[in-house]
Amino acid sequence: MKYARLGSSGLQVSRIGLGMMSYGDRTTRQWHLDEAAAEPIVRRAVEAGVTLFDTADIYSGGASEQITGRLLAKLLPRREDYVLATKVFYPTGSGPNDRGLSRKHILAAIDASLRRLGTDYVDLYQIHRWDDHTPIAETMAALHDVVQAGKARYLGASSMYAWQFATAQHSARTAGLSRFVSMQNHYNLVYREEEREMIPLCRDQGVGVIPYSPLARGLLTGSRRRGGRRQTVRAGADPVADDMYDEADHDVVDVVCAVADGRGLPPAQIALAWLLGNPAVNAPIVGATTLAHLEDAIAAVDIALSEEERSRLEAPYRPHRVLGHG
């Protein structure tokens, strides 16, 4: 495994992060793995040197945080040996204050996440989305208090418009508060709209980029074929992916497969190697429901694509509507 600083912060993370969204209650998602099924995958990640583990309070109704906390405590008993990330924003209850980025919800949510995770602090506390209903000054002050209380070491953000992210950073800077050190955005070979504003902003401001859906929810692995054919359980039961990607995106997938064939490698390794070759990207967040998924991600860290290969992979891209901010 290789490691990199998260943006300009002093925090070192593995070049691959393991996304824990796939681990939880199978009654909520057919493709979720329970704790026993997830353990071999997390164990292999630990053995390979993965140190970044990403979850959220909304995943599987909190079950993902519980599984994450128990497995990491078991497999990495020294808390300093891993970087634990979780998120706040989406509803965690039925009440009007059980959601969003108000001071009330943030302070309640961090305590609830820590209880489920079984730890005193998270390394990276991320806002899952932008909150149109709460002043950003209130949100940044509450997040700063979470850091000052020792409940989070760093702050991160997830999908939003670049102007919103710049507004949040400016609000924190002018008030002398903790700023975001990372952006977890939707970015992969078939969705590159983040290259227009968000990624240049992050590079300019020293913000780390840890993209989610680096394989386009399996599209870049070949699990979805032209004409709507599905090759895996998740591909056949993932309406979010059906809304985000369409037939035209297979033009990119075809080139990924061609480059992969030329190398004698799986398409997933090529798609991840392309992301890892971007100097703005610190650590793609990879979901894995099989050991093979994880092995592809680990192997991608050592693959260097040529400029000709990168150009081939990028050539068929077409602009998309903005995805992932809702």
Protein backbone atom coordinates (compact mmCIF):
# COMPACT_ATOMS: atom_id res chain seq x y z
CA MET A 1 0.00 0.00 0.00
CA LYS A 2 1.02 3.57 -0.60
CA TYR A 3 0.03 6.57 1.49
CA ALA A 4 -0.57 10.27 0.92
CA ARG A 5 -1.33 13.35 2.95
CA LEU A 6 -4.99 14.32 2.87
CA GLY A 7 -4.69 17.57 0.97
CA SER A 8 -2.39 19.97 2.78
CA SER A 9 -3.29 18.59 6.20
CA GLY A 10 -0.86 16.45 8.16
CA LEU A 11 -3.17 13.42 8.07
CA GLN A 12 -1.78 10.43 6.17
CA VAL A 13 -4.26 8.10 4.47
CA SER A 14 -3.91 4.95 2.38
CA ARG A 15 -4.28 5.57 -1.36
CA ILE A 16 -7.41 3.41 -1.25
CA GLY A 17 -10.22 3.96 1.24
CA LEU A 18 -12.67 1.18 2.05
CA GLY A 19 -16.28 2.34 1.85
CA MET A 20 -18.43 0.67 4.50
CA MET A 21 -21.84 1.49 2.99
CA SER A 22 -22.18 -2.10 1.73
CA TYR A 23 -22.13 -3.53 5.25
CA GLY A 24 -25.34 -3.49 7.21
CA ASP A 25 -28.86 -4.87 7.25
CA ARG A 26 -29.75 -7.03 4.25
CA THR A 27 -33.43 -6.20 4.72
CA THR A 28 -32.67 -2.64 3.58
CA ARG A 29 -30.53 -3.60 0.56
CA GLN A 30 -30.34 -7.06 -0.98
CA TRP A 31 -26.62 -6.62 -1.68
CA HIS A 32 -25.63 -5.58 1.85
CA LEU A 33 -23.30 -7.87 3.79
CA ASP A 34 -23.80 -8.61 7.45
CA GLU A 35 -20.93 -8.40 9.91
CA ALA A 36 -19.78 -11.99 9.48
CA ALA A 37 -19.68 -11.68 5.69
CA ALA A 38 -17.95 -8.29 5.84
CA GLU A 39 -15.20 -9.39 8.22
CA PRO A 40 -12.99 -11.26 5.68
CA ILE A 41 -13.04 -8.24 3.38
CA VAL A 42 -12.16 -5.77 6.12
CA ARG A 43 -9.49 -8.15 7.42
CA ARG A 44 -7.88 -8.36 3.98
CA ALA A 45 -7.98 -4.57 3.70
CA VAL A 46 -6.18 -4.27 7.02
CA GLU A 47 -3.59 -6.86 5.96
CA ALA A 48 -2.98 -4.92 2.73
CA GLY A 49 -2.34 -1.69 4.63
CA VAL A 50 -5.64 0.12 4.05
CA THR A 51 -6.05 2.67 6.84
CA LEU A 52 -8.98 4.81 5.65
CA PHE A 53 -12.47 3.50 6.44
CA ASP A 54 -15.50 5.58 5.46
CA THR A 55 -19.08 5.25 6.69
CA ALA A 56 -22.08 7.48 7.51
CA ASP A 57 -24.82 7.66 10.12
CA ILE A 58 -27.48 7.11 7.45
CA TYR A 59 -26.03 3.88 6.03
CA SER A 60 -28.31 0.98 6.84
CA GLY A 61 -29.97 2.97 9.61
CA GLY A 62 -26.76 3.15 11.64
CA ALA A 63 -25.90 -0.55 11.29
CA SER A 64 -22.92 0.29 9.06
CA GLU A 65 -21.36 2.41 11.81
CA GLN A 66 -21.92 -0.38 14.34
CA ILE A 67 -20.31 -2.99 12.10
CA THR A 68 -17.46 -0.65 11.21
CA GLY A 69 -16.70 0.11 14.84
CA ARG A 70 -16.77 -3.53 15.96
CA LEU A 71 -14.65 -4.84 13.09
CA LEU A 72 -12.00 -2.13 13.36
CA ALA A 73 -11.75 -2.58 17.14
CA LYS A 74 -11.25 -6.30 16.55
CA LEU A 75 -8.83 -6.12 13.63
CA LEU A 76 -6.95 -2.93 14.56
CA PRO A 77 -7.11 -2.67 18.34
CA ARG A 78 -4.74 0.33 18.42
CA ARG A 79 -7.00 3.26 17.60
CA GLU A 80 -4.13 5.31 16.15
CA ASP A 81 -3.61 2.74 13.37
CA TYR A 82 -6.62 3.69 11.25
CA VAL A 83 -8.42 6.75 9.94
CA LEU A 84 -12.14 6.58 10.67
CA ALA A 85 -14.53 8.78 8.70
CA THR A 86 -18.28 9.24 9.04
CA LYS A 87 -20.89 11.76 7.89
CA VAL A 88 -23.85 13.84 9.04
CA PHE A 89 -26.84 15.39 7.21
CA TYR A 90 -29.46 12.86 6.16
CA PRO A 91 -32.43 11.99 8.41
CA THR A 92 -31.69 9.66 11.31
CA GLY A 93 -35.13 9.93 12.88
CA SER A 94 -38.65 11.20 12.27
CA GLY A 95 -38.34 14.52 14.08
CA PRO A 96 -37.81 17.86 12.32
CA ASN A 97 -34.42 18.26 13.99
CA ASP A 98 -33.21 14.74 13.16
CA ARG A 99 -31.63 15.92 9.90
CA GLY A 100 -29.64 18.68 8.29
CA LEU A 101 -26.68 20.70 9.52
CA SER A 102 -28.12 22.74 12.37
CA ARG A 103 -26.14 23.06 15.59
CA LYS A 104 -28.76 20.94 17.33
CA HIS A 105 -28.53 18.07 14.87
CA ILE A 106 -24.74 18.12 14.43
CA LEU A 107 -24.07 17.96 18.17
CA ALA A 108 -26.59 15.17 18.64
CA ALA A 109 -25.44 13.28 15.55
CA ILE A 110 -21.75 13.17 16.45
CA ASP A 111 -22.55 11.72 19.87
CA ALA A 112 -24.86 9.12 18.33
CA SER A 113 -22.22 8.18 15.73
CA LEU A 114 -19.54 7.80 18.40
CA ARG A 115 -21.82 5.51 20.41
CA ARG A 116 -22.47 3.30 17.39
CA LEU A 117 -18.81 3.30 16.38
CA GLY A 118 -17.68 2.54 19.93
CA THR A 119 -14.95 5.19 19.91
CA ASP A 120 -14.17 8.53 21.52
CA TYR A 121 -13.51 10.35 18.26
CA VAL A 122 -13.60 10.12 14.49
CA ASP A 123 -10.66 11.24 12.42
CA LEU A 124 -12.75 12.84 9.69
CA TYR A 125 -16.26 14.21 10.27
CA GLN A 126 -17.93 15.05 6.98
CA ILE A 127 -21.07 16.92 6.02
CA HIS A 128 -22.87 14.54 3.68
CA ARG A 129 -24.58 17.28 1.66
CA TRP A 130 -25.23 21.03 1.67
CA ASP A 131 -28.08 22.27 3.88
CA ASP A 132 -30.15 25.02 2.24
CA HIS A 133 -32.10 25.59 5.45
CA THR A 134 -29.26 26.34 7.89
CA PRO A 135 -26.91 29.33 7.75
CA ILE A 136 -23.45 28.10 6.85
CA ALA A 137 -21.96 30.16 9.70
CA GLU A 138 -24.03 28.13 12.16
CA THR A 139 -22.90 24.85 10.60
CA MET A 140 -19.21 25.77 10.58
CA ALA A 141 -19.33 27.00 14.19
CA ALA A 142 -20.98 23.76 15.32
CA LEU A 143 -18.43 21.65 13.42
CA HIS A 144 -15.60 23.69 14.95
CA ASP A 145 -17.01 22.95 18.40
CA VAL A 146 -17.01 19.23 17.56
CA VAL A 147 -13.30 19.49 16.77
CA GLN A 148 -12.57 21.60 19.87
CA ALA A 149 -14.36 19.01 22.02
CA GLY A 150 -12.00 16.31 20.69
CA LYS A 151 -14.79 14.37 19.01
CA ALA A 152 -13.33 14.83 15.52
CA ARG A 153 -9.76 15.45 14.41
CA TYR A 154 -10.56 16.91 10.97
CA LEU A 155 -13.55 18.10 8.98
CA GLY A 156 -14.57 17.07 5.48
CA ALA A 157 -17.38 17.74 3.02
CA SER A 158 -19.15 15.77 0.33
CA SER A 159 -20.94 16.57 -2.93
CA MET A 160 -21.98 20.19 -3.44
CA TYR A 161 -21.39 23.03 -5.87
CA ALA A 162 -17.98 24.66 -5.86
CA TRP A 163 -19.47 28.04 -4.89
CA GLN A 164 -21.06 26.42 -1.84
CA PHE A 165 -17.80 24.84 -0.79
CA ALA A 166 -15.95 28.12 -1.27
CA THR A 167 -18.61 29.90 0.81
CA ALA A 168 -18.22 27.38 3.64
CA GLN A 169 -14.43 27.68 3.65
CA HIS A 170 -14.61 31.49 3.57
CA SER A 171 -17.09 31.52 6.45
CA ALA A 172 -14.79 29.37 8.57
CA ARG A 173 -11.66 31.29 7.61
CA THR A 174 -13.05 34.72 8.42
CA ALA A 175 -14.37 33.52 11.78
CA GLY A 176 -11.15 31.70 12.71
CA LEU A 177 -12.86 28.30 12.70
CA SER A 178 -11.80 24.84 11.56
CA ARG A 179 -12.01 24.40 7.78
CA PHE A 180 -12.66 21.37 5.62
CA VAL A 181 -9.55 19.41 4.69
CA SER A 182 -11.24 17.05 2.22
CA MET A 183 -13.95 16.77 -0.41
CA GLN A 184 -15.69 13.44 -1.04
CA ASN A 185 -17.27 14.01 -4.42
CA HIS A 186 -18.83 11.98 -7.21
CA TYR A 187 -16.00 11.47 -9.69
CA ASN A 188 -15.08 8.70 -12.11
CA LEU A 189 -14.35 8.11 -15.79
CA VAL A 190 -18.00 8.40 -16.83
CA TYR A 191 -18.77 11.40 -14.57
CA ARG A 192 -16.10 14.09 -14.79
CA GLU A 193 -18.12 17.26 -14.26
CA GLU A 194 -16.13 17.85 -11.05
CA GLU A 195 -13.14 18.73 -13.22
CA ARG A 196 -14.83 21.99 -14.23
CA GLU A 197 -14.77 23.78 -10.86
CA MET A 198 -14.60 21.61 -7.75
CA ILE A 199 -11.33 19.80 -8.39
CA PRO A 200 -9.45 22.95 -9.48
CA LEU A 201 -10.77 24.67 -6.34
CA CYS A 202 -9.57 21.80 -4.15
CA ARG A 203 -6.12 21.80 -5.76
CA ASP A 204 -5.79 25.55 -5.35
CA GLN A 205 -6.87 25.47 -1.70
CA GLY A 206 -4.98 22.35 -0.64
CA VAL A 207 -8.11 20.29 -0.06
CA GLY A 208 -7.83 16.52 -0.41
CA VAL A 209 -10.12 14.67 -2.83
CA ILE A 210 -11.49 11.26 -1.85
CA PRO A 211 -14.04 10.42 -4.58
CA TYR A 212 -16.99 8.13 -4.04
CA SER A 213 -18.40 5.86 -6.76
CA PRO A 214 -14.95 5.58 -8.40
CA LEU A 215 -16.27 2.68 -10.47
CA ALA A 216 -19.65 4.30 -11.23
CA ARG A 217 -21.52 1.86 -9.00
CA GLY A 218 -20.07 -1.07 -10.92
CA LEU A 219 -20.61 0.28 -14.42
CA LEU A 220 -16.85 0.55 -15.02
CA THR A 221 -16.34 -3.07 -13.97
CA GLY A 222 -18.67 -4.41 -16.67
CA SER A 223 -21.47 -5.35 -14.25
CA ARG A 224 -23.94 -3.41 -16.39
CA ARG A 225 -24.08 -4.09 -20.10
CA ARG A 226 -25.71 -2.34 -23.04
CA GLY A 227 -29.41 -2.96 -23.29
CA GLY A 228 -29.90 -3.05 -19.54
CA ARG A 229 -28.36 -6.45 -18.85
CA ARG A 230 -27.20 -6.89 -15.25
CA GLN A 231 -24.33 -9.17 -14.21
CA THR A 232 -24.48 -8.87 -10.39
CA VAL A 233 -27.06 -8.72 -7.58
CA ARG A 234 -26.29 -5.07 -6.91
CA ALA A 235 -26.43 -4.11 -10.56
CA GLY A 236 -29.90 -5.62 -10.71
CA ALA A 237 -31.14 -3.82 -7.59
CA ASP A 238 -29.59 -0.36 -7.67
CA PRO A 239 -32.11 2.24 -8.89
CA VAL A 240 -29.69 5.05 -8.00
CA ALA A 241 -27.25 3.82 -10.64
CA ASP A 242 -30.06 3.52 -13.17
CA ASP A 243 -30.83 7.20 -12.65
CA MET A 244 -27.21 8.36 -12.77
CA TYR A 245 -25.81 6.54 -15.80
CA ASP A 246 -27.22 5.66 -19.22
CA GLU A 247 -26.48 3.82 -22.45
CA ALA A 248 -24.15 6.51 -23.82
CA ASP A 249 -21.76 5.94 -20.89
CA HIS A 250 -20.97 2.51 -22.30
CA ASP A 251 -18.78 4.25 -24.88
CA VAL A 252 -16.37 5.00 -22.04
CA VAL A 253 -16.75 1.52 -20.60
CA ASP A 254 -15.86 -0.01 -23.96
CA VAL A 255 -12.54 1.85 -24.00
CA VAL A 256 -11.83 0.88 -20.39
CA CYS A 257 -12.35 -2.75 -21.34
CA ALA A 258 -10.15 -2.37 -24.41
CA VAL A 259 -7.27 -0.85 -22.41
CA ALA A 260 -7.75 -3.53 -19.76
CA ASP A 261 -7.62 -6.29 -22.39
CA GLY A 262 -4.40 -4.82 -23.76
CA ARG A 263 -2.88 -5.00 -20.31
CA GLY A 264 -4.38 -8.35 -19.39
CA LEU A 265 -6.07 -6.73 -16.36
CA PRO A 266 -9.63 -6.39 -15.08
CA PRO A 267 -11.43 -3.17 -16.12
CA ALA A 268 -11.82 -2.09 -12.49
CA GLN A 269 -8.05 -1.85 -12.07
CA ILE A 270 -7.74 0.41 -15.12
CA ALA A 271 -10.58 2.70 -14.02
CA LEU A 272 -9.11 3.06 -10.54
CA ALA A 273 -5.59 3.55 -11.86
CA TRP A 274 -6.90 6.45 -13.95
CA LEU A 275 -8.30 8.13 -10.83
CA LEU A 276 -5.15 7.47 -8.79
CA GLY A 277 -3.08 9.06 -11.55
CA ASN A 278 -4.84 12.39 -11.00
CA PRO A 279 -2.63 14.49 -8.68
CA ALA A 280 -5.71 15.98 -7.02
CA VAL A 281 -7.00 12.57 -5.87
CA ASN A 282 -5.73 11.24 -2.56
CA ALA A 283 -7.83 8.12 -2.02
CA PRO A 284 -10.87 6.85 -3.94
CA ILE A 285 -13.48 5.36 -1.60
CA VAL A 286 -14.06 1.83 -2.91
CA GLY A 287 -17.00 -0.34 -1.99
CA ALA A 288 -16.30 -4.08 -1.87
CA THR A 289 -18.75 -6.92 -1.41
CA THR A 290 -16.28 -9.60 -2.51
CA LEU A 291 -12.58 -10.13 -1.93
CA ALA A 292 -12.04 -9.80 -5.68
CA HIS A 293 -13.41 -6.24 -5.58
CA LEU A 294 -10.90 -5.36 -2.89
CA GLU A 295 -7.99 -7.07 -4.63
CA ASP A 296 -8.66 -5.02 -7.76
CA ALA A 297 -8.51 -1.83 -5.71
CA ILE A 298 -5.29 -2.84 -3.98
CA ALA A 299 -3.64 -3.78 -7.27
CA ALA A 300 -4.63 -0.48 -8.90
CA VAL A 301 -2.37 1.45 -6.55
CA ASP A 302 0.70 0.11 -8.37
CA ILE A 303 -0.57 0.60 -11.93
CA ALA A 304 0.82 3.56 -13.87
CA LEU A 305 -1.04 4.38 -17.06
CA SER A 306 0.74 5.94 -20.01
CA GLU A 307 -0.33 9.32 -21.37
CA GLU A 308 -1.60 7.53 -24.46
CA GLU A 309 -3.76 5.22 -22.35
CA ARG A 310 -5.13 8.14 -20.32
CA SER A 311 -5.98 10.01 -23.51
CA ARG A 312 -7.80 6.98 -24.91
CA LEU A 313 -9.78 6.58 -21.71
CA GLU A 314 -10.79 10.24 -21.60
CA ALA A 315 -11.62 10.72 -25.29
CA PRO A 316 -15.20 9.32 -25.38
CA TYR A 317 -16.44 11.36 -22.40
CA ARG A 318 -19.59 13.41 -22.89
CA PRO A 319 -20.94 16.13 -20.54
CA HIS A 320 -23.52 15.14 -17.93
CA ARG A 321 -26.15 16.94 -15.92
CA VAL A 322 -24.98 17.57 -12.36
CA LEU A 323 -25.30 14.35 -10.36
CA GLY A 324 -24.88 13.52 -6.71
CA HIS A 325 -25.61 16.86 -5.03
CA GLY A 326 -29.05 15.94 -3.75
